[in-house]
Amino acid sequence: MKSNHETVYSCGTTPEEAVKRDCQFDMLSFAWVPKPCFDAELSSMNNAYEDFEFFYHREKPDRIPVEELKKGINKHVYTSGRYHRTHCTYAWKILQRAVLHGFHLSDNKTMNPSHYDHCSYYLIDVDHSYRARFTMEYLHCQKMPTSRGSPFW
């Protein structure tokens, strides 16, 4: 049986490849997202560059400049637990909007049950002193799962 999660667009594995493939860097996802799966309206409702601080190292106060962050070239960043919580709720909003707007595509992280499990655990067990480490991801679009022509939900 063929999976309904067929990859349609991919951002590759480097920032340069992502740009060539017309992907958009999304700071709240900390990922390159193919434009057909990027919710520009939702992304524009948030300004992660102003609302959060990002650092090169966990314990050092060496803040990453906004201009550098916007390029989507940092392999890893450290930030607050508040950003992590915002990142998790943002992923849920992406999926909710995809469902409500009838999108036929979404990114692989948004549809990944392991990411939701991780976020659920993190949101329940909040450590306000926690400094989160995020690793750059290069996402791909997948067809939304369907059953008999209707969305799976």
C-alpha atoms as a PDB file:
ATOM      1  CA  MET A   1       0.000   0.000   0.000  1.00  0.00           C
ATOM      2  CA  LYS A   2       1.425   3.383  -0.985  1.00  0.00           C
ATOM      3  CA  SER A   3       1.877   5.987   1.766  1.00  0.00           C
ATOM      4  CA  ASN A   4      -0.299   9.086   1.620  1.00  0.00           C
ATOM      5  CA  HIS A   5       2.721  11.035   2.905  1.00  0.00           C
ATOM      6  CA  GLU A   6       4.303  11.370  -0.533  1.00  0.00           C
ATOM      7  CA  THR A   7       7.069  13.976  -0.706  1.00  0.00           C
ATOM      8  CA  VAL A   8       6.263  16.686  -3.221  1.00  0.00           C
ATOM      9  CA  TYR A   9       8.827  19.471  -2.588  1.00  0.00           C
ATOM     10  CA  SER A  10      12.127  19.315  -0.714  1.00  0.00           C
ATOM     11  CA  CYS A  11      14.506  21.994   0.601  1.00  0.00           C
ATOM     12  CA  GLY A  12      17.634  19.854   0.307  1.00  0.00           C
ATOM     13  CA  THR A  13      20.313  19.840   2.994  1.00  0.00           C
ATOM     14  CA  THR A  14      22.026  23.261   2.963  1.00  0.00           C
ATOM     15  CA  PRO A  15      20.934  26.898   3.066  1.00  0.00           C
ATOM     16  CA  GLU A  16      22.273  27.371  -0.467  1.00  0.00           C
ATOM     17  CA  GLU A  17      20.294  24.416  -1.763  1.00  0.00           C
ATOM     18  CA  ALA A  18      17.178  25.612   0.069  1.00  0.00           C
ATOM     19  CA  VAL A  19      17.431  29.044  -1.563  1.00  0.00           C
ATOM     20  CA  LYS A  20      17.896  27.466  -5.014  1.00  0.00           C
ATOM     21  CA  ARG A  21      14.801  25.335  -4.386  1.00  0.00           C
ATOM     22  CA  ASP A  22      12.768  28.436  -3.511  1.00  0.00           C
ATOM     23  CA  CYS A  23      12.345  27.527   0.155  1.00  0.00           C
ATOM     24  CA  GLN A  24      11.563  30.070   2.865  1.00  0.00           C
ATOM     25  CA  PHE A  25      13.443  30.262   6.160  1.00  0.00           C
ATOM     26  CA  ASP A  26      10.941  30.205   9.041  1.00  0.00           C
ATOM     27  CA  MET A  27      12.470  31.363  12.317  1.00  0.00           C
ATOM     28  CA  LEU A  28       9.716  29.926  14.530  1.00  0.00           C
ATOM     29  CA  SER A  29      10.128  26.510  12.950  1.00  0.00           C
ATOM     30  CA  PHE A  30      13.905  27.037  12.814  1.00  0.00           C
ATOM     31  CA  ALA A  31      13.734  25.371   9.429  1.00  0.00           C
ATOM     32  CA  TRP A  32      13.766  25.947   5.706  1.00  0.00           C
ATOM     33  CA  VAL A  33      10.241  25.281   4.428  1.00  0.00           C
ATOM     34  CA  PRO A  34       9.186  24.783   0.779  1.00  0.00           C
ATOM     35  CA  LYS A  35       7.038  27.747  -0.263  1.00  0.00           C
ATOM     36  CA  PRO A  36       3.991  25.590  -1.112  1.00  0.00           C
ATOM     37  CA  CYS A  37       3.939  24.472   2.559  1.00  0.00           C
ATOM     38  CA  PHE A  38       4.933  27.795   4.116  1.00  0.00           C
ATOM     39  CA  ASP A  39       2.097  29.653   5.851  1.00  0.00           C
ATOM     40  CA  ALA A  40       3.295  33.217   5.192  1.00  0.00           C
ATOM     41  CA  GLU A  41       0.244  34.743   6.880  1.00  0.00           C
ATOM     42  CA  LEU A  42       0.780  32.829  10.121  1.00  0.00           C
ATOM     43  CA  SER A  43       4.521  33.461  10.046  1.00  0.00           C
ATOM     44  CA  SER A  44       3.967  37.207   9.633  1.00  0.00           C
ATOM     45  CA  MET A  45       1.836  37.257  12.797  1.00  0.00           C
ATOM     46  CA  ASN A  46       4.977  36.543  14.827  1.00  0.00           C
ATOM     47  CA  ASN A  47       8.316  38.301  15.012  1.00  0.00           C
ATOM     48  CA  ALA A  48      10.712  35.819  16.544  1.00  0.00           C
ATOM     49  CA  TYR A  49      13.622  38.124  15.760  1.00  0.00           C
ATOM     50  CA  GLU A  50      12.281  40.801  18.115  1.00  0.00           C
ATOM     51  CA  ASP A  51      10.524  38.595  20.661  1.00  0.00           C
ATOM     52  CA  PHE A  52      13.431  36.253  21.462  1.00  0.00           C
ATOM     53  CA  GLU A  53      17.194  36.216  21.841  1.00  0.00           C
ATOM     54  CA  PHE A  54      19.392  33.605  20.175  1.00  0.00           C
ATOM     55  CA  PHE A  55      22.912  32.629  21.170  1.00  0.00           C
ATOM     56  CA  TYR A  56      25.857  30.698  19.703  1.00  0.00           C
ATOM     57  CA  HIS A  57      26.514  28.781  22.952  1.00  0.00           C
ATOM     58  CA  ARG A  58      24.388  27.521  25.831  1.00  0.00           C
ATOM     59  CA  GLU A  59      26.211  29.284  28.669  1.00  0.00           C
ATOM     60  CA  LYS A  60      27.796  32.309  26.999  1.00  0.00           C
ATOM     61  CA  PRO A  61      26.081  35.634  26.382  1.00  0.00           C
ATOM     62  CA  ASP A  62      27.208  35.843  22.747  1.00  0.00           C
ATOM     63  CA  ARG A  63      23.983  36.888  21.069  1.00  0.00           C
ATOM     64  CA  ILE A  64      23.525  36.111  17.362  1.00  0.00           C
ATOM     65  CA  PRO A  65      22.790  39.259  15.323  1.00  0.00           C
ATOM     66  CA  VAL A  66      19.313  39.414  13.746  1.00  0.00           C
ATOM     67  CA  GLU A  67      20.819  39.981  10.292  1.00  0.00           C
ATOM     68  CA  GLU A  68      22.683  36.672  10.585  1.00  0.00           C
ATOM     69  CA  LEU A  69      19.636  34.793  11.890  1.00  0.00           C
ATOM     70  CA  LYS A  70      17.502  35.965   8.956  1.00  0.00           C
ATOM     71  CA  LYS A  71      19.915  34.277   6.538  1.00  0.00           C
ATOM     72  CA  GLY A  72      19.063  30.844   7.988  1.00  0.00           C
ATOM     73  CA  ILE A  73      22.725  29.789   8.082  1.00  0.00           C
ATOM     74  CA  ASN A  74      23.178  28.839  11.754  1.00  0.00           C
ATOM     75  CA  LYS A  75      23.367  25.071  12.207  1.00  0.00           C
ATOM     76  CA  HIS A  76      22.489  25.391  15.900  1.00  0.00           C
ATOM     77  CA  VAL A  77      21.174  28.148  18.137  1.00  0.00           C
ATOM     78  CA  TYR A  78      20.425  28.383  21.834  1.00  0.00           C
ATOM     79  CA  THR A  79      17.416  30.268  23.061  1.00  0.00           C
ATOM     80  CA  SER A  80      14.861  30.389  25.847  1.00  0.00           C
ATOM     81  CA  GLY A  81      12.331  27.841  26.946  1.00  0.00           C
ATOM     82  CA  ARG A  82       9.722  30.473  26.062  1.00  0.00           C
ATOM     83  CA  TYR A  83      10.827  30.280  22.417  1.00  0.00           C
ATOM     84  CA  HIS A  84      10.582  26.482  22.627  1.00  0.00           C
ATOM     85  CA  ARG A  85       7.010  26.698  23.913  1.00  0.00           C
ATOM     86  CA  THR A  86       6.151  29.229  21.189  1.00  0.00           C
ATOM     87  CA  HIS A  87       7.748  26.950  18.569  1.00  0.00           C
ATOM     88  CA  CYS A  88       5.579  24.046  19.729  1.00  0.00           C
ATOM     89  CA  THR A  89       2.318  25.974  19.707  1.00  0.00           C
ATOM     90  CA  TYR A  90       3.267  27.455  16.323  1.00  0.00           C
ATOM     91  CA  ALA A  91       3.558  23.934  14.868  1.00  0.00           C
ATOM     92  CA  TRP A  92       0.082  23.125  16.147  1.00  0.00           C
ATOM     93  CA  LYS A  93      -1.265  26.326  14.603  1.00  0.00           C
ATOM     94  CA  ILE A  94       0.307  25.396  11.259  1.00  0.00           C
ATOM     95  CA  LEU A  95      -1.477  22.038  11.281  1.00  0.00           C
ATOM     96  CA  GLN A  96      -4.770  23.552  12.469  1.00  0.00           C
ATOM     97  CA  ARG A  97      -4.713  26.146   9.688  1.00  0.00           C
ATOM     98  CA  ALA A  98      -3.810  23.500   7.096  1.00  0.00           C
ATOM     99  CA  VAL A  99      -6.851  21.489   8.175  1.00  0.00           C
ATOM    100  CA  LEU A 100      -9.246  24.432   8.412  1.00  0.00           C
ATOM    101  CA  HIS A 101      -8.151  25.964   5.104  1.00  0.00           C
ATOM    102  CA  GLY A 102      -8.186  22.634   3.263  1.00  0.00           C
ATOM    103  CA  PHE A 103      -4.520  22.711   2.274  1.00  0.00           C
ATOM    104  CA  HIS A 104      -3.452  19.593   0.413  1.00  0.00           C
ATOM    105  CA  LEU A 105       0.190  19.877   1.507  1.00  0.00           C
ATOM    106  CA  SER A 106       2.000  20.345   4.793  1.00  0.00           C
ATOM    107  CA  ASP A 107       5.590  20.003   5.921  1.00  0.00           C
ATOM    108  CA  ASN A 108       6.981  16.773   7.320  1.00  0.00           C
ATOM    109  CA  LYS A 109       7.747  18.216  10.772  1.00  0.00           C
ATOM    110  CA  THR A 110       4.241  19.566  11.231  1.00  0.00           C
ATOM    111  CA  MET A 111       2.828  16.115  10.467  1.00  0.00           C
ATOM    112  CA  ASN A 112       5.379  14.204  12.561  1.00  0.00           C
ATOM    113  CA  PRO A 113       3.745  12.517  15.601  1.00  0.00           C
ATOM    114  CA  SER A 114       7.114  12.356  17.392  1.00  0.00           C
ATOM    115  CA  HIS A 115       7.385  16.146  17.273  1.00  0.00           C
ATOM    116  CA  TYR A 116       3.930  16.459  18.837  1.00  0.00           C
ATOM    117  CA  ASP A 117       4.830  13.955  21.557  1.00  0.00           C
ATOM    118  CA  HIS A 118       8.013  15.909  22.292  1.00  0.00           C
ATOM    119  CA  CYS A 119       6.127  19.217  22.426  1.00  0.00           C
ATOM    120  CA  SER A 120       3.344  17.795  24.598  1.00  0.00           C
ATOM    121  CA  TYR A 121       5.884  16.532  27.122  1.00  0.00           C
ATOM    122  CA  TYR A 122       7.819  19.789  27.060  1.00  0.00           C
ATOM    123  CA  LEU A 123       4.718  21.958  27.557  1.00  0.00           C
ATOM    124  CA  ILE A 124       3.596  19.894  30.538  1.00  0.00           C
ATOM    125  CA  ASP A 125       7.016  19.723  32.196  1.00  0.00           C
ATOM    126  CA  VAL A 126       8.007  23.403  31.979  1.00  0.00           C
ATOM    127  CA  ASP A 127      11.460  24.403  33.201  1.00  0.00           C
ATOM    128  CA  HIS A 128      11.639  28.195  33.020  1.00  0.00           C
ATOM    129  CA  SER A 129      15.440  28.255  33.390  1.00  0.00           C
ATOM    130  CA  TYR A 130      15.931  25.927  30.438  1.00  0.00           C
ATOM    131  CA  ARG A 131      17.971  27.155  27.460  1.00  0.00           C
ATOM    132  CA  ALA A 132      16.805  25.289  24.375  1.00  0.00           C
ATOM    133  CA  ARG A 133      19.090  24.095  21.586  1.00  0.00           C
ATOM    134  CA  PHE A 134      17.622  24.127  18.098  1.00  0.00           C
ATOM    135  CA  THR A 135      19.217  22.457  15.089  1.00  0.00           C
ATOM    136  CA  MET A 136      18.486  23.739  11.588  1.00  0.00           C
ATOM    137  CA  GLU A 137      16.130  21.553   9.601  1.00  0.00           C
ATOM    138  CA  TYR A 138      15.414  21.312   5.895  1.00  0.00           C
ATOM    139  CA  LEU A 139      11.803  20.288   5.502  1.00  0.00           C
ATOM    140  CA  HIS A 140       9.832  18.842   2.663  1.00  0.00           C
ATOM    141  CA  CYS A 141       6.188  19.094   1.699  1.00  0.00           C
ATOM    142  CA  GLN A 142       4.012  16.043   1.917  1.00  0.00           C
ATOM    143  CA  LYS A 143       0.531  15.404   0.665  1.00  0.00           C
ATOM    144  CA  MET A 144      -1.939  15.580   3.507  1.00  0.00           C
ATOM    145  CA  PRO A 145      -3.217  12.096   4.347  1.00  0.00           C
ATOM    146  CA  THR A 146      -6.649  11.317   2.969  1.00  0.00           C
ATOM    147  CA  SER A 147      -9.167   8.578   3.258  1.00  0.00           C
ATOM    148  CA  ARG A 148     -11.660   8.105   0.422  1.00  0.00           C
ATOM    149  CA  GLY A 149     -10.974  11.615  -0.845  1.00  0.00           C
ATOM    150  CA  SER A 150     -11.515  13.339   2.489  1.00  0.00           C
ATOM    151  CA  PRO A 151      -8.906  14.544   4.984  1.00  0.00           C
ATOM    152  CA  PHE A 152      -8.026  11.863   7.537  1.00  0.00           C
ATOM    153  CA  TRP A 153      -9.625  13.822  10.360  1.00  0.00           C
END
